Protein backbone atom coordinates (compact mmCIF):
# COMPACT_ATOMS: atom_id res chain seq x y z
CA MET A 1 -140.11 -12.79 112.96
CA SER A 2 -138.11 -15.93 112.08
CA ASP A 3 -134.38 -16.25 112.56
CA VAL A 4 -132.09 -16.00 109.58
CA ILE A 5 -130.34 -19.31 108.90
CA VAL A 6 -126.64 -18.82 108.15
CA PRO A 7 -124.69 -21.61 106.45
CA GLY A 8 -122.61 -23.46 109.03
CA GLY A 9 -125.34 -23.60 111.67
CA GLY A 10 -125.13 -20.08 113.10
CA VAL A 11 -128.11 -17.93 113.75
CA VAL A 12 -127.97 -14.13 113.30
CA GLN A 13 -130.48 -12.05 115.12
CA PRO A 14 -132.01 -9.26 112.97
CA THR A 15 -131.12 -5.72 114.07
CA ALA A 16 -132.79 -2.38 113.51
CA PRO A 17 -131.21 0.03 110.96
CA VAL A 18 -128.65 2.36 112.53
CA THR A 19 -129.13 6.07 111.92
CA PRO A 20 -125.77 7.88 111.72
CA GLN A 21 -125.33 10.47 114.46
CA PRO A 22 -123.44 13.65 113.82
CA THR A 23 -120.07 13.80 115.47
CA SER A 24 -120.11 16.47 118.08
CA ASP A 25 -117.25 18.95 118.20
CA THR A 26 -116.51 19.54 121.84
CA SER A 27 -114.50 22.62 120.90
CA LEU A 28 -117.61 24.54 119.80
CA PRO A 29 -119.87 26.38 122.27
CA PRO A 30 -123.26 24.81 122.87
CA GLY A 31 -125.77 25.66 120.22
CA VAL A 32 -123.19 26.69 117.57
CA PRO A 33 -123.40 24.61 114.36
CA PRO A 34 -120.22 22.83 113.25
CA ALA A 35 -117.94 24.27 110.54
CA GLY A 36 -119.49 24.23 107.08
CA ASN A 37 -122.77 25.63 108.33
CA PRO A 38 -122.03 29.27 109.25
CA PRO A 39 -124.58 30.78 111.60
CA LYS A 40 -127.13 33.14 110.21
CA ALA A 41 -129.61 35.52 111.72
CA GLY A 42 -132.14 33.57 113.80
CA ASP A 43 -129.79 30.62 114.56
CA PRO A 44 -128.99 29.83 118.21
CA GLY A 45 -125.71 31.50 119.18
CA TYR A 46 -125.75 33.97 116.25
CA LYS A 47 -123.91 37.14 117.17
CA PRO A 48 -123.53 39.82 114.47
CA GLU A 49 -120.43 41.26 116.11
CA LEU A 50 -118.62 37.94 115.57
CA GLN A 51 -119.10 38.00 111.78
CA ALA A 52 -116.24 39.25 109.51
CA PRO A 53 -116.64 43.03 108.93
CA ILE A 54 -116.98 44.35 105.40
CA ASP A 55 -114.18 46.74 104.38
CA THR A 56 -115.88 49.94 103.27
CA THR A 57 -112.69 52.02 103.03
CA PRO A 58 -112.73 53.81 99.61
CA THR A 59 -109.92 53.00 97.21
CA GLU A 60 -107.40 55.84 97.10
CA VAL A 61 -107.29 57.69 93.75
CA VAL A 62 -103.86 58.87 92.62
CA VAL A 63 -104.21 62.23 90.87
CA ASP A 64 -102.10 62.97 87.82
CA GLU A 65 -101.08 66.59 88.44
CA GLU A 66 -100.40 67.17 84.74
CA ALA A 67 -104.03 66.38 83.98
CA LEU A 68 -105.21 69.29 86.11
CA ASN A 69 -105.97 72.65 84.45
CA ALA A 70 -105.40 70.95 81.10
CA SER A 71 -107.49 73.29 78.93
CA GLY A 72 -106.49 76.67 80.27
CA ASN A 73 -110.17 77.66 80.42
CA ALA A 74 -111.14 78.40 84.04
CA VAL A 75 -114.74 77.16 83.84
CA LEU A 76 -113.91 73.99 81.89
CA ASP A 77 -110.95 73.19 84.12
CA ILE A 78 -113.13 73.20 87.25
CA ALA A 79 -115.16 70.34 85.77
CA LEU A 80 -112.05 68.57 84.45
CA ASN A 81 -110.24 68.83 87.78
CA THR A 82 -113.22 67.37 89.65
CA PHE A 83 -113.42 64.48 87.18
CA VAL A 84 -109.67 63.81 87.45
CA THR A 85 -109.84 63.80 91.26
CA ILE A 86 -112.78 61.39 91.35
CA THR A 87 -111.71 58.95 88.63
CA GLY A 88 -107.91 59.21 88.51
CA CYS A 89 -108.05 60.23 84.84
CA THR A 90 -104.54 60.82 83.49
CA VAL A 91 -102.98 62.79 80.65
CA ALA A 92 -102.47 59.48 78.82
CA ASP A 93 -106.21 58.76 79.13
CA MET A 94 -107.03 62.18 77.69
CA GLN A 95 -104.66 61.74 74.78
CA ARG A 96 -106.01 58.29 73.93
CA ALA A 97 -109.64 59.40 74.07
CA THR A 98 -109.28 62.71 72.22
CA GLY A 99 -106.03 62.52 70.22
CA ASN A 100 -107.59 62.04 66.79
CA ALA A 101 -110.48 64.35 67.60
CA LEU A 102 -108.07 67.16 68.49
CA GLU A 103 -105.91 66.60 65.44
CA TYR A 104 -108.84 66.77 63.02
CA GLN A 105 -111.06 69.07 65.15
CA ASP A 106 -113.91 66.53 64.99
CA VAL A 107 -115.85 65.39 68.07
CA ASN A 108 -117.02 62.30 66.17
CA LEU A 109 -113.49 60.91 66.50
CA ILE A 110 -113.63 60.75 70.31
CA ASP A 111 -112.93 57.16 71.40
CA LYS A 112 -116.22 56.28 73.13
CA THR A 113 -115.32 52.60 73.51
CA PHE A 114 -112.21 53.45 75.50
CA LEU A 115 -114.18 55.87 77.69
CA ARG A 116 -116.69 53.12 78.57
CA GLU A 117 -113.95 50.62 79.35
CA ARG A 118 -111.85 53.07 81.35
CA PHE A 119 -114.47 55.03 83.30
CA GLY A 120 -117.52 52.76 83.54
CA LYS A 121 -120.38 54.62 85.20
CA HIS A 122 -118.52 57.90 84.64
CA ALA A 123 -118.24 57.32 80.86
CA ASP A 124 -121.06 59.73 79.93
CA GLN A 125 -119.48 62.50 81.99
CA ALA A 126 -116.10 61.73 80.42
CA TYR A 127 -117.60 62.03 76.93
CA GLN A 128 -119.26 65.36 77.67
CA LEU A 129 -115.96 66.74 79.01
CA ALA A 130 -114.14 65.44 75.94
CA VAL A 131 -116.63 67.20 73.66
CA ALA A 132 -116.25 70.44 75.63
CA SER A 133 -112.46 70.18 75.39
CA ILE A 134 -112.54 69.69 71.63
CA GLU A 135 -114.90 72.63 71.13
CA HIS A 136 -112.68 74.80 73.32
CA ALA A 137 -109.61 73.84 71.27
CA LYS A 138 -111.47 74.63 68.04
CA ASN A 139 -112.44 78.07 69.32
CA GLU A 140 -108.86 78.75 70.43
CA ALA A 141 -107.49 77.76 67.03
CA LYS A 142 -110.06 79.93 65.25
CA ALA A 143 -109.21 82.92 67.44
CA GLU A 144 -105.48 82.47 66.77
CA GLU A 145 -106.12 82.21 63.03
CA THR A 146 -108.14 85.42 63.12
CA LYS A 147 -105.37 87.14 65.06
CA GLN A 148 -102.77 86.04 62.53
CA LYS A 149 -104.90 87.26 59.61
CA GLN A 150 -105.37 90.63 61.27
CA ALA A 151 -101.63 90.96 61.87
CA THR A 152 -100.89 90.04 58.26
CA THR A 153 -103.43 92.52 56.94
CA LYS A 154 -101.98 95.25 59.15
CA ALA A 155 -98.44 94.51 57.91
CA ILE A 156 -99.55 94.55 54.26
CA ASN A 157 -101.37 97.85 54.70
CA ALA A 158 -98.32 99.36 56.40
CA ALA A 159 -96.08 98.21 53.51
CA HIS A 160 -98.47 99.69 50.95
CA THR A 161 -98.51 102.98 52.83
CA ALA A 162 -94.71 103.11 53.08
CA ALA A 163 -94.33 102.37 49.37
CA GLY A 164 -96.94 104.90 48.29
CA GLY A 165 -99.66 102.44 47.39
CA GLU A 166 -100.27 98.80 46.57
CA ALA A 167 -98.99 99.10 42.99
CA ALA A 168 -95.78 100.82 44.11
CA TRP A 169 -95.18 98.12 46.75
CA LYS A 170 -95.60 95.32 44.23
CA GLN A 171 -93.19 97.07 41.89
CA ALA A 172 -90.64 97.51 44.68
CA VAL A 173 -90.87 93.83 45.66
CA SER A 174 -90.44 92.74 42.04
CA VAL A 175 -87.34 94.91 41.56
CA PHE A 176 -85.93 93.84 44.93
CA ASN A 177 -86.32 90.13 44.17
CA SER A 178 -84.62 90.45 40.80
CA SER A 179 -81.75 92.78 41.69
CA ALA A 180 -80.94 92.78 45.43
CA SER A 181 -77.90 90.89 46.69
CA ASP A 182 -78.28 87.66 48.63
CA ASN A 183 -77.11 89.36 51.84
CA ILE A 184 -79.77 92.04 51.58
CA LYS A 185 -82.46 89.48 50.80
CA ALA A 186 -81.38 87.43 53.82
CA ALA A 187 -81.52 90.51 56.05
CA VAL A 188 -85.03 91.45 54.89
CA LYS A 189 -86.23 87.88 55.30
CA SER A 190 -84.73 87.65 58.80
CA LEU A 191 -86.44 90.86 59.89
CA MET A 192 -89.79 89.77 58.49
CA ASN A 193 -89.59 86.31 60.07
CA ASP A 194 -88.73 87.86 63.45
CA GLY A 195 -91.89 89.95 63.29
CA ASN A 196 -90.06 93.22 62.63
CA VAL A 197 -92.12 93.93 59.54
CA GLN A 198 -91.62 97.69 59.61
CA ALA A 199 -87.82 97.44 59.58
CA GLY A 200 -87.93 94.79 56.85
CA THR A 201 -90.21 96.95 54.75
CA GLU A 202 -87.98 100.00 55.17
CA LEU A 203 -84.85 98.05 54.25
CA LEU A 204 -86.48 96.64 51.13
CA LEU A 205 -87.72 100.04 49.98
CA SER A 206 -84.46 101.85 50.79
CA THR A 207 -82.55 99.24 48.81
CA VAL A 208 -84.50 99.73 45.61
CA ARG A 209 -84.90 103.51 45.98
CA ASN A 210 -81.35 104.40 46.99
CA GLY A 211 -80.10 102.18 44.20
CA GLY A 212 -81.93 104.38 41.70
CA MET A 213 -84.29 101.57 40.75
CA LEU A 214 -87.49 103.30 41.88
CA PRO A 215 -88.49 106.89 42.48
CA ASN A 216 -88.51 107.93 46.13
CA VAL A 217 -92.26 108.41 46.36
CA ASN A 218 -92.20 108.48 50.15
CA PRO A 219 -89.52 110.92 51.30
CA GLN A 220 -90.59 110.40 54.93
CA LEU A 221 -88.78 107.06 54.80
CA ASN A 222 -85.52 108.98 55.04
CA GLY A 223 -86.94 111.83 57.07
CA GLY A 224 -87.01 114.15 54.05
CA SER A 225 -83.25 114.80 54.27
CA ALA A 226 -79.95 113.40 53.09
CA ALA A 227 -79.37 111.66 56.41
CA PRO A 228 -80.67 108.07 56.27
CA SER A 229 -83.20 106.74 58.78
CA ALA A 230 -82.73 103.55 60.78
CA GLY A 231 -83.55 101.56 57.67
CA GLY A 232 -81.84 103.81 55.07
CA ALA A 233 -78.58 103.64 53.09
CA LEU A 234 -75.27 104.24 54.87
CA SER A 235 -72.10 105.99 53.80
CA ALA A 236 -68.76 104.33 54.61
CA ASP A 237 -68.26 106.46 57.74
CA GLN A 238 -71.82 105.88 58.93
CA PHE A 239 -71.40 102.16 58.42
CA LYS A 240 -68.18 102.12 60.47
CA THR A 241 -69.84 104.04 63.30
CA GLU A 242 -72.88 101.77 63.47
CA LEU A 243 -70.78 98.63 63.09
CA ALA A 244 -68.61 99.69 66.04
CA ALA A 245 -71.72 100.23 68.14
CA LEU A 246 -73.06 96.82 67.15
CA ARG A 247 -69.76 95.10 68.00
CA LYS A 248 -69.88 96.71 71.44
CA GLU A 249 -73.43 95.53 71.92
CA ALA A 250 -72.61 91.98 70.81
CA GLY A 251 -69.59 91.66 73.08
CA SER A 252 -67.87 88.34 72.47
CA SER A 253 -70.75 86.96 70.36
CA SER A 254 -70.27 86.46 66.65
CA LEU A 255 -71.99 89.01 64.44
CA GLU A 256 -72.36 86.57 61.58
CA THR A 257 -74.00 83.71 63.48
CA GLY A 258 -74.87 85.03 66.95
CA PRO A 259 -78.01 86.79 68.20
CA GLN A 260 -76.89 90.02 66.50
CA ALA A 261 -76.73 88.41 63.04
CA ALA A 262 -79.97 90.03 61.83
CA LYS A 263 -78.76 93.50 62.78
CA PHE A 264 -75.37 92.86 61.19
CA ASN A 265 -76.97 91.70 57.94
CA GLN A 266 -79.15 94.80 57.98
CA LEU A 267 -76.10 97.03 58.33
CA VAL A 268 -74.40 95.25 55.45
CA ALA A 269 -77.51 95.67 53.31
CA ARG A 270 -77.79 99.36 54.18
CA ARG A 271 -74.14 99.89 53.29
CA GLN A 272 -74.71 98.12 49.97
CA ALA A 273 -77.65 100.42 49.35
CA GLY A 274 -75.33 103.34 50.13
CA LYS A 275 -72.80 102.12 47.60
CA ASN A 276 -75.54 101.80 45.02
CA ALA A 277 -76.55 105.37 45.76
CA GLY A 278 -72.97 106.63 45.50
CA LEU A 279 -72.51 107.34 49.22
């Protein structure tokens, strides 16, 4: 091989290419690759116990106590409580997913998109529980409606019986509405609204009968005697006696606006009925 002539008369001898050598890290044990090449199974010096452990501790789920036993149905609540404990489902989650469905009693309004976003792999279970909750609420509402209808029917039948029949009751109500004083009407309304239908019915009938507006077709209302029953007309002396007893019962409370107001209004109405009857 000929020499390379360099301008100026010098001669440079050709040299072989230099292969870069890796810089050894004297801080590493023999056989351990330098940083950037982590050891793997099969490499010299690989020791599994030296690798970073994987944290397998489960994430703690905070349970919303208000979300437990949410339906009041023992069987359904077992499933709901398990779901709440596993997923951390909250009352707010329940309301968002089923709010519209509960309001309109329609399972098609359950927010499926939210359930998928919130519960992931548990979304199907969440949906089934939501459907069960809506159906339970619908059944509860239907049962309450039936109960209310039965109570109303019972009250109407009792009023008809006390008046001597449906026609007599309608006549009594018509006369009462057109001729009774505002105080008496308020007393009857208060009794009815408080669920004391029997007392309200008796007061209404005694008002129209003792005022000479209707024939007394049901003498049992006044026990078949001149002495009035609990809902009958009062003479002046009887009114004073019962008013004194009511004042004692009320104590320092006002009769006009306190908890005894309904009873006071009833006494006033009964006394008015007594005046109308000439007592």
